[in-house]
Amino acid sequence: MTDLAPLVPAATALLARARAAGLMIATAESCTGGLIAALLTEIAGSSDVVERGFVTYSNAAKSEAIGVPAALIATHGAVSRAVAEAMAEGVLARSHADLAVAVTGVAGPGGGSAEKPVGLVHLAAARRGGERLHLEARYGDIGRSAVRLSTVKDALRLLERLIGV
C-alpha cells in the first residue's frame, strides 16, 4: 500500500495556494488509481478546492469518461504524452475545474516493454484557458508503490507550476 502521509504538507500547501487564487482542481488518474485525489481530499476543507476526480484505469474508461479518442490510444498507446495530454483536456471539458492533472503509466511489476518500461509515466496538467504542461518520468523499476508515490509527488509539482503561471 502506498503511504501518502509524507505528501500531506505539500498537498496542504498546494490547496492553500489554489484556494487563495480561487482555483478548483480535478484529476484523471490511471496508474495511480485515485491516489492524487485521495491525497488532496485527505486534507480537511479540501472540498472548496477539489472539484472532482476520474479514475480511468482502462482504455475504455479513458474514452468513455473523459473523451480520449480511442484512435489516439490505438496510435500512441495508453502510456504516452498524447494520451496524458488528452486526459487533462478531457478533465477540463467534463468538469468545472480550473486546473487539471492527468497521469498514465506503467507502475509494474509487470506490463512493461523495451519501448515502455516499468516506471515510465506521462503526466500532463492544464489550466483552463492557459498553460499546458507535460512531464515524461522514468522512475525505473523501483517497485509499484514507489512509482505511484513518485507520480503523485510530480503531479503536485505540476499543479504548483500551473498555479504560479
Protein backbone atom coordinates (compact mmCIF):
# COMPACT_ATOMS: atom_id res chain seq x y z
CA MET A 1 0.00 0.00 0.00
CA THR A 2 1.25 3.45 -0.85
CA ASP A 3 1.79 5.72 2.16
CA LEU A 4 0.67 9.23 1.27
CA ALA A 5 1.34 10.75 4.73
CA PRO A 6 4.72 12.26 3.77
CA LEU A 7 2.99 14.23 1.00
CA VAL A 8 0.28 15.80 3.18
CA PRO A 9 2.29 19.00 3.86
CA ALA A 10 2.92 19.59 0.14
CA ALA A 11 -0.72 18.87 -0.68
CA THR A 12 -1.88 21.20 2.10
CA ALA A 13 0.30 23.99 0.70
CA LEU A 14 -0.98 23.32 -2.83
CA LEU A 15 -4.59 23.54 -1.70
CA ALA A 16 -3.90 26.78 0.18
CA ARG A 17 -2.35 28.33 -2.94
CA ALA A 18 -5.23 27.16 -5.15
CA ARG A 19 -7.76 28.45 -2.60
CA ALA A 20 -6.05 31.85 -2.42
CA ALA A 21 -6.10 32.06 -6.22
CA GLY A 22 -9.76 30.95 -6.40
CA LEU A 23 -8.89 27.86 -8.46
CA MET A 24 -10.57 24.45 -8.48
CA ILE A 25 -8.67 21.22 -9.24
CA ALA A 26 -9.74 18.00 -10.96
CA THR A 27 -7.77 14.82 -11.64
CA ALA A 28 -7.67 11.99 -14.17
CA GLU A 29 -5.69 9.02 -12.94
CA SER A 30 -4.69 5.74 -14.46
CA CYS A 31 -1.59 4.20 -12.84
CA THR A 32 -2.19 6.00 -9.53
CA GLY A 33 -5.75 4.70 -9.27
CA GLY A 34 -7.08 7.76 -7.45
CA LEU A 35 -4.14 8.43 -5.11
CA ILE A 36 -3.84 12.08 -6.15
CA ALA A 37 -7.49 12.76 -5.40
CA ALA A 38 -7.26 10.70 -2.20
CA LEU A 39 -4.30 12.75 -1.00
CA LEU A 40 -5.98 16.06 -1.75
CA THR A 41 -9.23 15.05 -0.10
CA GLU A 42 -7.40 13.73 2.98
CA ILE A 43 -7.00 17.37 3.95
CA ALA A 44 -9.87 18.97 5.85
CA GLY A 45 -11.52 21.75 3.89
CA SER A 46 -10.40 20.42 0.51
CA SER A 47 -13.96 20.46 -0.84
CA ASP A 48 -13.66 24.14 -1.71
CA VAL A 49 -10.69 23.38 -3.99
CA VAL A 50 -11.07 19.78 -5.24
CA GLU A 51 -13.83 19.71 -7.85
CA ARG A 52 -13.73 16.03 -8.89
CA GLY A 53 -11.53 13.10 -9.82
CA PHE A 54 -11.70 10.46 -12.51
CA VAL A 55 -10.06 7.05 -12.19
CA THR A 56 -9.68 5.97 -15.80
CA TYR A 57 -7.68 2.80 -15.42
CA SER A 58 -8.85 1.06 -18.59
CA ASN A 59 -8.61 2.37 -22.13
CA ALA A 60 -12.40 2.26 -22.37
CA ALA A 61 -12.71 4.41 -19.24
CA LYS A 62 -10.31 6.96 -20.72
CA SER A 63 -12.53 7.21 -23.79
CA GLU A 64 -15.93 6.98 -22.15
CA ALA A 65 -15.39 9.10 -19.03
CA ILE A 66 -13.08 11.85 -20.28
CA GLY A 67 -13.29 11.65 -24.06
CA VAL A 68 -9.83 10.40 -25.01
CA PRO A 69 -10.26 9.28 -28.62
CA ALA A 70 -9.87 5.50 -28.94
CA ALA A 71 -7.88 6.11 -32.14
CA LEU A 72 -5.37 8.20 -30.16
CA ILE A 73 -4.89 5.34 -27.71
CA ALA A 74 -4.56 2.85 -30.57
CA THR A 75 -1.97 5.01 -32.31
CA HIS A 76 0.18 6.10 -29.36
CA GLY A 77 -0.69 3.61 -26.63
CA ALA A 78 -2.30 4.46 -23.31
CA VAL A 79 1.09 5.32 -21.81
CA SER A 80 2.03 8.29 -23.97
CA ARG A 81 2.31 12.03 -23.96
CA ALA A 82 -0.60 12.32 -26.39
CA VAL A 83 -2.93 10.35 -24.14
CA ALA A 84 -1.87 12.13 -20.94
CA GLU A 85 -2.49 15.49 -22.59
CA ALA A 86 -5.86 14.34 -23.95
CA MET A 87 -6.77 13.14 -20.45
CA ALA A 88 -6.02 16.57 -18.96
CA GLU A 89 -8.01 18.29 -21.68
CA GLY A 90 -10.87 15.85 -21.18
CA VAL A 91 -10.99 16.62 -17.47
CA LEU A 92 -11.31 20.34 -18.16
CA ALA A 93 -14.05 19.67 -20.71
CA ARG A 94 -16.01 17.47 -18.28
CA SER A 95 -15.63 19.44 -15.07
CA HIS A 96 -15.92 22.91 -13.59
CA ALA A 97 -12.26 22.85 -12.55
CA ASP A 98 -9.72 25.48 -13.47
CA LEU A 99 -6.75 23.12 -13.19
CA ALA A 100 -6.46 19.50 -14.30
CA VAL A 101 -3.75 16.94 -13.80
CA ALA A 102 -3.64 13.56 -15.55
CA VAL A 103 -1.33 10.57 -15.20
CA THR A 104 -0.86 7.37 -17.17
CA GLY A 105 2.00 4.92 -16.84
CA VAL A 106 3.43 1.50 -16.11
CA ALA A 107 3.66 1.06 -12.34
CA GLY A 108 4.74 -2.58 -12.53
CA PRO A 109 5.86 -5.05 -11.61
CA GLY A 110 4.75 -6.36 -15.00
CA GLY A 111 3.33 -4.70 -18.07
CA GLY A 112 6.48 -3.02 -19.27
CA SER A 113 8.25 -3.41 -22.59
CA ALA A 114 11.54 -2.26 -24.09
CA GLU A 115 9.73 0.76 -25.53
CA LYS A 116 7.63 1.47 -22.44
CA PRO A 117 9.44 0.05 -19.42
CA VAL A 118 8.16 -0.32 -15.89
CA GLY A 119 8.43 3.06 -14.23
CA LEU A 120 7.54 5.11 -17.33
CA VAL A 121 4.81 7.64 -16.52
CA HIS A 122 3.42 10.51 -18.55
CA LEU A 123 1.92 13.37 -16.57
CA ALA A 124 0.03 16.30 -18.05
CA ALA A 125 -1.51 19.35 -16.47
CA ALA A 126 -3.69 22.05 -17.95
CA ARG A 127 -5.10 25.36 -16.80
CA ARG A 128 -8.44 26.39 -18.29
CA GLY A 129 -7.69 28.93 -21.00
CA GLY A 130 -3.99 28.82 -20.27
CA GLU A 131 -0.80 26.89 -19.77
CA ARG A 132 -0.28 23.22 -20.67
CA LEU A 133 2.48 21.14 -19.09
CA HIS A 134 3.86 17.66 -19.74
CA LEU A 135 6.37 15.55 -17.86
CA GLU A 136 7.77 12.22 -19.01
CA ALA A 137 9.07 10.49 -15.89
CA ARG A 138 11.26 7.40 -15.96
CA TYR A 139 11.35 6.30 -12.36
CA GLY A 140 12.74 2.86 -13.18
CA ASP A 141 11.67 -0.48 -11.77
CA ILE A 142 11.64 0.81 -8.17
CA GLY A 143 8.51 -1.07 -7.11
CA ARG A 144 4.84 -0.40 -7.71
CA SER A 145 4.23 1.70 -4.61
CA ALA A 146 7.33 3.82 -5.20
CA VAL A 147 6.36 4.51 -8.82
CA ARG A 148 2.87 5.53 -7.74
CA LEU A 149 4.15 7.72 -4.89
CA SER A 150 6.70 9.41 -7.17
CA THR A 151 3.94 10.06 -9.68
CA VAL A 152 1.74 11.71 -7.04
CA LYS A 153 4.68 13.94 -5.98
CA ASP A 154 5.29 15.03 -9.56
CA ALA A 155 1.57 15.64 -10.13
CA LEU A 156 1.56 18.02 -7.16
CA ARG A 157 4.59 19.83 -8.61
CA LEU A 158 2.85 20.27 -11.98
CA LEU A 159 -0.23 21.72 -10.28
CA GLU A 160 2.00 24.07 -8.28
CA ARG A 161 3.59 25.28 -11.52
CA LEU A 162 0.17 25.94 -13.06
CA ILE A 163 -0.93 27.99 -10.07
CA GLY A 164 2.20 30.08 -10.41
CA VAL A 165 1.61 30.79 -14.12
